Amino acid sequence: MLLAGSRFLSRWLAIVGIGMTGGGSAADGSPIDMVAFLVLMTLMAVSLARRNINWPSLLGANWTLCALYAFGLLSITWSADPVVALKRLIKSTGTVAAALVILTDKYPYKALRSVMTSLSVVLLPLSILFIKYYPEIGRQYHSTGAQMMTGVTTQKNSLGELCMLTGLYASWNLLHVRPTGGNNGGRLPWHVALPVLAMVAWLMLLADSATALVCLATATGVHFIGRSPQIASRPTRLALVLAATASSYVILQFGFDINAVLLGLLNRRPDLTTRVPMWEDLLATAANPLVGFGWQSFSLTEQHSRIFERWQVVSVHNTYLDLYLNLGLVGLALYGLVWLRGVWSSVRCLTASYQQGVLRISLLLVVALYGWTETVDLGVSNMYWVLLLAAIDLPILTAPLTARSSMGGAGRQGTTSASSMPPPRVPVNRGSWSKTSRHTSQGGRRPRRAPVEGSAGPVVSTHGARDGQGAPTPEPPAARPEFHRTLAQTGRGEQSARDDRDRTGDIDVEGTKG
């Protein structure tokens, strides 16, 4: 993720004078990058193989993602260069593996905290260093001649994406994670969180990426709304509020053209800096609207070369148009199903682990918004990685908790996954032992019990024992036949014994207080 969030290894080595190229074209790629990604994918495959993963269940739960990749594999057959398309498909599976390494960890959100903290404390300070003191590395020039602040990345929108993701995680961590953290990894220390937020704000201004700014503001708003007690007390209300907000936006757009107002506030042109006319040209180049040019194969065609010559841009700057060109309407529909499936599982996650559900929903919203004016590359991309983190459905992350008390009530911080839940207690018919059990569960001490006449085994002392702390619990007297025989021998009936128990809270057997 450090490479995807900054520059590939070949570009870093080129800075110090170590450079290798493939075959002279972007399609060939760099041998250094190929070896680096191969090593990383091998390590991830070994890590996943050593974990006890139920692969049939995992694949069945994520059939939409499997269908997308199955269609992508089939689309290689009509690609302009099937070999290059296959390489890109294999590289894309590496991003899926990177997401699974996080999600199948024993504590997935602790692992996510480690990754996001690394991105924040390594790449953000380096970006500032490069922009201020090494402009030949931290600044680039647009095709129009305008200077761009890029930091550790190669383009200003990529720097905005880095700031957006790190700021999004910091916002969620500070608003929804307790200092102790539990399975969420703990709240970031203030001496880390405050500098990170300051660097994000400063770099976001320098990058001047309106898309990243809108996405970060949206995610932060979701985090604040989710923190409201009225929403947290009933987690599904968050989904209803967001659905109502989206519906209101659609109504305002059709009725009052609110996009024009928003673009004016962001100091952007109505044509989105020539994106709109470029999209019209790209739509005209679609040769097969149903299945497209093949998996990430539009960039290998002559149509792409003509678009590049005219507009001087490599990226389509629209995820949905990019999917339409590469995989057609079929691929676009499958991608939409992956996203919708992720929304469904995230809403269910709200009732299982509210804090994690809020994070997943905010990530899905950001990916959807980001895709309108930027491309979420289905390859080595951090945006695609966070989409997979939020969309992949693991039963361990979405199963409702069986013991609501373990969460401390809805909306509170508590148990976050089924794997870390305490084992359920085995129900016991306590019978006449109920008062003593209640006394113990409230923090009191259970009195010593004398051995019952005719019973076998040593006396089990429960002095100071409490439920749930591993202390031995005596067998309930009502379950032992000798207890009933002893009552009969004393000449007292069950009603008399019940009266004694109600008065004292103890068991009176042959005149001996239990």
Foldseek 3Di string as FASTA:
>chain_A
DLCQLFNAPQVVVVVVPDHDAAPPDVLRGGPVNVVVLVVLLVVLVVLVVPDDDPVVVLCVLQVLVVVLLVLQLVLLVQAPHSVSSVVQSVQLVSLLSVLCSLVRDLLNLLVVVVVLLCLQVPQLVQLVCCVPPNCVQQWDADPVGDIAGRRRHDALVSLLVSLLVSLLVLLLLVLAADQVRVSNNGRDDPVSSVVSNVSSVVSNVRSLNPLSVVLSVQSSVLSVVLSDPVCQQPVLVSVVVVVVVVVVVVVCCVPPVCVVVVCVVSVADPCRLVLNVLLVLLVVPFPDQAFANHRQRPLVDVSQVVSCVVPVDNFNQAALSSQRRHGHPVSSVSVVVLLVQLLVLLSLLCQAFVSVSSSLVSLSVSLVSSRGGGHQRSGSHVNVSSSSNRRRHDCQQRPHDPDCVQQVHGNRHGDGTPSPDDDDDDDDPQVLLVLLLVCQQVPHFRQFDDDAPPDDDDGQGRGRPHPPPPHDDDDRLVVDVSSVVQCVVVVHDPVVQSVVCVVPVFGAGPNDTD
